[in-house]
Amino acid sequence: MTHVSVKNGNVDGALRIFKQKFAKSGVPSEIKKRKHYDKPGVKRRNEKKENIKNSRRNRKDRD
């Protein structure tokens, strides 16, 4: 459970810190991933596409 304390009545700052911690914890991406079921073949295909995209991006960054 993510815990953030409010200091000096600064709720906006505490909310910003909470959002950052929440995003870093990986919960939003897990929720997005589990919204619907993907067949194993579709999952493999999507992972392969992501890996190709990432390798191209990494290759472009090195050059």
Protein backbone atom coordinates (compact mmCIF):
# COMPACT_ATOMS: atom_id res chain seq x y z
CA MET A 1 0.00 0.00 0.00
CA THR A 2 1.38 3.38 -1.00
CA HIS A 3 1.51 5.88 1.85
CA VAL A 4 2.04 9.63 1.50
CA SER A 5 1.86 12.14 4.33
CA VAL A 6 0.50 15.66 3.82
CA LYS A 7 2.90 18.30 5.09
CA ASN A 8 1.79 21.85 5.95
CA GLY A 9 -1.64 21.27 4.38
CA ASN A 10 -0.11 20.84 0.91
CA VAL A 11 -2.61 18.37 -0.52
CA ASP A 12 -1.68 19.10 -4.15
CA GLY A 13 1.96 18.22 -3.55
CA ALA A 14 1.00 15.06 -1.67
CA LEU A 15 -1.32 14.04 -4.51
CA ARG A 16 1.47 14.57 -7.05
CA ILE A 17 3.86 12.43 -5.00
CA PHE A 18 1.18 9.75 -4.58
CA LYS A 19 0.57 9.61 -8.35
CA GLN A 20 4.31 9.23 -8.98
CA LYS A 21 4.65 6.41 -6.43
CA PHE A 22 1.52 4.71 -7.76
CA ALA A 23 2.81 4.79 -11.35
CA LYS A 24 6.25 3.46 -10.32
CA SER A 25 4.64 0.56 -8.46
CA GLY A 26 3.34 -0.83 -11.76
CA VAL A 27 -0.32 -1.11 -10.73
CA PRO A 28 -1.77 0.88 -13.67
CA SER A 29 0.07 -1.23 -16.24
CA GLU A 30 -1.07 -4.45 -14.52
CA ILE A 31 -4.69 -3.27 -14.57
CA LYS A 32 -4.39 -2.38 -18.25
CA LYS A 33 -2.81 -5.76 -19.01
CA ARG A 34 -5.52 -7.74 -17.18
CA LYS A 35 -8.52 -5.89 -18.63
CA HIS A 36 -9.09 -8.60 -21.20
CA TYR A 37 -7.75 -12.08 -21.93
CA ASP A 38 -5.27 -12.63 -24.74
CA LYS A 39 -4.71 -16.03 -26.22
CA PRO A 40 -1.15 -17.33 -25.77
CA GLY A 41 -0.42 -16.98 -29.50
CA VAL A 42 -1.63 -13.40 -29.56
CA LYS A 43 0.44 -12.63 -26.46
CA ARG A 44 3.57 -14.08 -28.13
CA ARG A 45 2.88 -12.09 -31.29
CA ASN A 46 2.50 -8.84 -29.35
CA GLU A 47 5.66 -9.49 -27.34
CA LYS A 48 7.55 -10.16 -30.58
CA LYS A 49 6.30 -6.87 -32.05
CA GLU A 50 7.34 -5.00 -28.90
CA ASN A 51 10.80 -6.59 -28.98
CA ILE A 52 11.28 -5.64 -32.63
CA LYS A 53 10.17 -2.08 -31.90
CA ASN A 54 12.48 -1.80 -28.90
CA SER A 55 15.45 -3.25 -30.76
CA ARG A 56 14.96 -0.76 -33.60
CA ARG A 57 14.73 2.10 -31.09
CA ASN A 58 17.88 0.92 -29.31
CA ARG A 59 19.74 0.51 -32.60
CA LYS A 60 18.74 4.03 -33.65
CA ASP A 61 19.92 5.45 -30.31
CA ARG A 62 23.34 3.80 -30.68
CA ASP A 63 23.92 5.16 -34.18
